[in-house]
Amino acid sequence: MVASFFFGAIILIGSPLQKYFAQRAQINALQTQVDSSRKALEEARKELELWNDPNYIKSQARARLHYVLPGERQYILTNDITLEGEDNSNDVATNVPTGVPWYTRLIATVTEAGIK
């Protein structure tokens, strides 16, 4: 008799208790999502504040788009200079097979570059 009472109590309480814990887990997951969204929003606001600064816009235009102010000259240097002890040879270009389709040569350059 006592065992059947406990069994009945477990059946009656089990389902609502399981739903309660599932909902608590869902609430915690949503709170975590809200916190990460707030952090992303705060970072976006900080970046927006940066873009309101004219000096920041100038520096970004110079760095990203290579813009210069009137009267200035811009020099773009390429790395054609070989320093002492530096090997500038390209073994991948010499090992690529010739006379095959372009996509086979492309795959060969990727695999050869991955070997080094």
C-alpha atoms as a PDB file:
ATOM      1  CA  MET A   1       0.000   0.000   0.000  1.00  0.00           C
ATOM      2  CA  VAL A   2       2.777   2.446   0.907  1.00  0.00           C
ATOM      3  CA  ALA A   3       4.706   1.476  -2.224  1.00  0.00           C
ATOM      4  CA  SER A   4       1.715   2.156  -4.454  1.00  0.00           C
ATOM      5  CA  PHE A   5       1.264   5.550  -2.767  1.00  0.00           C
ATOM      6  CA  PHE A   6       4.910   6.513  -3.493  1.00  0.00           C
ATOM      7  CA  PHE A   7       4.616   5.211  -7.049  1.00  0.00           C
ATOM      8  CA  GLY A   8       1.499   7.301  -7.624  1.00  0.00           C
ATOM      9  CA  ALA A   9       3.142  10.366  -6.092  1.00  0.00           C
ATOM     10  CA  ILE A  10       6.183   9.955  -8.346  1.00  0.00           C
ATOM     11  CA  ILE A  11       3.979   9.675 -11.427  1.00  0.00           C
ATOM     12  CA  LEU A  12       1.963  12.758 -10.442  1.00  0.00           C
ATOM     13  CA  ILE A  13       5.000  14.897  -9.569  1.00  0.00           C
ATOM     14  CA  GLY A  14       7.443  13.559 -12.199  1.00  0.00           C
ATOM     15  CA  SER A  15       6.027  15.169 -15.322  1.00  0.00           C
ATOM     16  CA  PRO A  16       5.614  18.706 -13.922  1.00  0.00           C
ATOM     17  CA  LEU A  17       9.049  18.482 -12.303  1.00  0.00           C
ATOM     18  CA  GLN A  18      10.628  17.428 -15.596  1.00  0.00           C
ATOM     19  CA  LYS A  19       8.915  20.332 -17.404  1.00  0.00           C
ATOM     20  CA  TYR A  20      10.092  22.732 -14.705  1.00  0.00           C
ATOM     21  CA  PHE A  21      13.744  21.719 -15.139  1.00  0.00           C
ATOM     22  CA  ALA A  22      13.450  21.848 -18.934  1.00  0.00           C
ATOM     23  CA  GLN A  23      12.019  25.368 -18.758  1.00  0.00           C
ATOM     24  CA  ARG A  24      14.740  26.473 -16.314  1.00  0.00           C
ATOM     25  CA  ALA A  25      17.386  25.207 -18.741  1.00  0.00           C
ATOM     26  CA  GLN A  26      15.684  27.065 -21.590  1.00  0.00           C
ATOM     27  CA  ILE A  27      15.538  30.264 -19.516  1.00  0.00           C
ATOM     28  CA  ASN A  28      19.252  29.981 -18.697  1.00  0.00           C
ATOM     29  CA  ALA A  29      20.092  29.460 -22.384  1.00  0.00           C
ATOM     30  CA  LEU A  30      18.043  32.496 -23.371  1.00  0.00           C
ATOM     31  CA  GLN A  31      19.696  34.620 -20.658  1.00  0.00           C
ATOM     32  CA  THR A  32      23.098  33.614 -22.004  1.00  0.00           C
ATOM     33  CA  GLN A  33      21.970  34.559 -25.507  1.00  0.00           C
ATOM     34  CA  VAL A  34      20.707  37.941 -24.280  1.00  0.00           C
ATOM     35  CA  ASP A  35      24.031  38.603 -22.535  1.00  0.00           C
ATOM     36  CA  SER A  36      26.038  37.811 -25.667  1.00  0.00           C
ATOM     37  CA  SER A  37      23.704  39.990 -27.747  1.00  0.00           C
ATOM     38  CA  ARG A  38      24.188  42.865 -25.312  1.00  0.00           C
ATOM     39  CA  LYS A  39      27.970  42.502 -25.561  1.00  0.00           C
ATOM     40  CA  ALA A  40      27.768  42.502 -29.368  1.00  0.00           C
ATOM     41  CA  LEU A  41      25.536  45.580 -29.261  1.00  0.00           C
ATOM     42  CA  GLU A  42      27.978  47.379 -26.977  1.00  0.00           C
ATOM     43  CA  GLU A  43      30.871  46.563 -29.322  1.00  0.00           C
ATOM     44  CA  ALA A  44      28.844  47.843 -32.280  1.00  0.00           C
ATOM     45  CA  ARG A  45      28.106  51.071 -30.406  1.00  0.00           C
ATOM     46  CA  LYS A  46      31.802  51.547 -29.666  1.00  0.00           C
ATOM     47  CA  GLU A  47      32.653  51.019 -33.319  1.00  0.00           C
ATOM     48  CA  LEU A  48      29.923  53.479 -34.331  1.00  0.00           C
ATOM     49  CA  GLU A  49      31.448  56.054 -31.997  1.00  0.00           C
ATOM     50  CA  LEU A  50      34.804  55.508 -33.700  1.00  0.00           C
ATOM     51  CA  TRP A  51      33.248  56.090 -37.112  1.00  0.00           C
ATOM     52  CA  ASN A  52      31.834  59.420 -35.911  1.00  0.00           C
ATOM     53  CA  ASP A  53      35.395  60.687 -35.448  1.00  0.00           C
ATOM     54  CA  PRO A  54      36.739  62.363 -38.641  1.00  0.00           C
ATOM     55  CA  ASN A  55      40.332  61.449 -37.788  1.00  0.00           C
ATOM     56  CA  TYR A  56      39.420  57.778 -37.505  1.00  0.00           C
ATOM     57  CA  ILE A  57      37.685  57.923 -40.881  1.00  0.00           C
ATOM     58  CA  LYS A  58      40.792  59.467 -42.423  1.00  0.00           C
ATOM     59  CA  SER A  59      43.038  56.813 -40.914  1.00  0.00           C
ATOM     60  CA  GLN A  60      40.760  54.024 -42.165  1.00  0.00           C
ATOM     61  CA  ALA A  61      40.618  55.539 -45.657  1.00  0.00           C
ATOM     62  CA  ARG A  62      44.400  55.704 -45.702  1.00  0.00           C
ATOM     63  CA  ALA A  63      44.892  52.175 -44.414  1.00  0.00           C
ATOM     64  CA  ARG A  64      42.124  50.334 -46.271  1.00  0.00           C
ATOM     65  CA  LEU A  65      41.695  52.314 -49.488  1.00  0.00           C
ATOM     66  CA  HIS A  66      45.186  53.857 -49.789  1.00  0.00           C
ATOM     67  CA  TYR A  67      43.793  57.383 -49.958  1.00  0.00           C
ATOM     68  CA  VAL A  68      46.065  60.379 -49.486  1.00  0.00           C
ATOM     69  CA  LEU A  69      45.331  63.993 -48.700  1.00  0.00           C
ATOM     70  CA  PRO A  70      45.800  66.634 -51.398  1.00  0.00           C
ATOM     71  CA  GLY A  71      49.453  67.522 -51.766  1.00  0.00           C
ATOM     72  CA  GLU A  72      50.701  64.241 -50.326  1.00  0.00           C
ATOM     73  CA  ARG A  73      52.399  61.435 -52.209  1.00  0.00           C
ATOM     74  CA  GLN A  74      51.947  57.804 -51.509  1.00  0.00           C
ATOM     75  CA  TYR A  75      54.633  55.239 -52.144  1.00  0.00           C
ATOM     76  CA  ILE A  76      53.799  51.564 -52.247  1.00  0.00           C
ATOM     77  CA  LEU A  77      56.817  49.348 -51.819  1.00  0.00           C
ATOM     78  CA  THR A  78      56.941  45.800 -53.053  1.00  0.00           C
ATOM     79  CA  ASN A  79      59.205  43.176 -51.574  1.00  0.00           C
ATOM     80  CA  ASP A  80      61.536  42.696 -54.545  1.00  0.00           C
ATOM     81  CA  ILE A  81      64.669  43.055 -52.452  1.00  0.00           C
ATOM     82  CA  THR A  82      66.412  39.851 -51.404  1.00  0.00           C
ATOM     83  CA  LEU A  83      68.220  40.115 -48.101  1.00  0.00           C
ATOM     84  CA  GLU A  84      71.440  38.272 -47.379  1.00  0.00           C
ATOM     85  CA  GLY A  85      70.796  34.642 -46.538  1.00  0.00           C
ATOM     86  CA  GLU A  86      67.164  34.835 -47.644  1.00  0.00           C
ATOM     87  CA  ASP A  87      66.084  32.351 -50.295  1.00  0.00           C
ATOM     88  CA  ASN A  88      63.493  33.937 -52.567  1.00  0.00           C
ATOM     89  CA  SER A  89      63.186  30.979 -54.950  1.00  0.00           C
ATOM     90  CA  ASN A  90      59.828  29.416 -55.584  1.00  0.00           C
ATOM     91  CA  ASP A  91      60.145  25.643 -55.793  1.00  0.00           C
ATOM     92  CA  VAL A  92      56.406  25.191 -56.214  1.00  0.00           C
ATOM     93  CA  ALA A  93      56.374  26.988 -59.560  1.00  0.00           C
ATOM     94  CA  THR A  94      59.142  24.748 -60.936  1.00  0.00           C
ATOM     95  CA  ASN A  95      57.465  21.500 -59.787  1.00  0.00           C
ATOM     96  CA  VAL A  96      54.086  22.200 -61.392  1.00  0.00           C
ATOM     97  CA  PRO A  97      53.457  19.795 -64.313  1.00  0.00           C
ATOM     98  CA  THR A  98      52.998  21.356 -67.741  1.00  0.00           C
ATOM     99  CA  GLY A  99      50.641  20.242 -70.475  1.00  0.00           C
ATOM    100  CA  VAL A 100      47.784  19.427 -68.084  1.00  0.00           C
ATOM    101  CA  PRO A 101      44.509  21.303 -67.517  1.00  0.00           C
ATOM    102  CA  TRP A 102      44.641  24.455 -65.425  1.00  0.00           C
ATOM    103  CA  TYR A 103      42.690  22.966 -62.535  1.00  0.00           C
ATOM    104  CA  THR A 104      45.168  20.093 -62.218  1.00  0.00           C
ATOM    105  CA  ARG A 105      48.020  22.592 -62.061  1.00  0.00           C
ATOM    106  CA  LEU A 106      46.097  24.613 -59.467  1.00  0.00           C
ATOM    107  CA  ILE A 107      45.604  21.543 -57.285  1.00  0.00           C
ATOM    108  CA  ALA A 108      49.274  20.657 -57.716  1.00  0.00           C
ATOM    109  CA  THR A 109      50.367  24.095 -56.486  1.00  0.00           C
ATOM    110  CA  VAL A 110      48.172  23.756 -53.414  1.00  0.00           C
ATOM    111  CA  THR A 111      49.442  20.283 -52.571  1.00  0.00           C
ATOM    112  CA  GLU A 112      53.058  21.265 -53.235  1.00  0.00           C
ATOM    113  CA  ALA A 113      52.739  24.335 -51.041  1.00  0.00           C
ATOM    114  CA  GLY A 114      51.250  22.186 -48.277  1.00  0.00           C
ATOM    115  CA  ILE A 115      54.252  19.835 -48.297  1.00  0.00           C
ATOM    116  CA  LYS A 116      56.707  22.514 -47.137  1.00  0.00           C
END
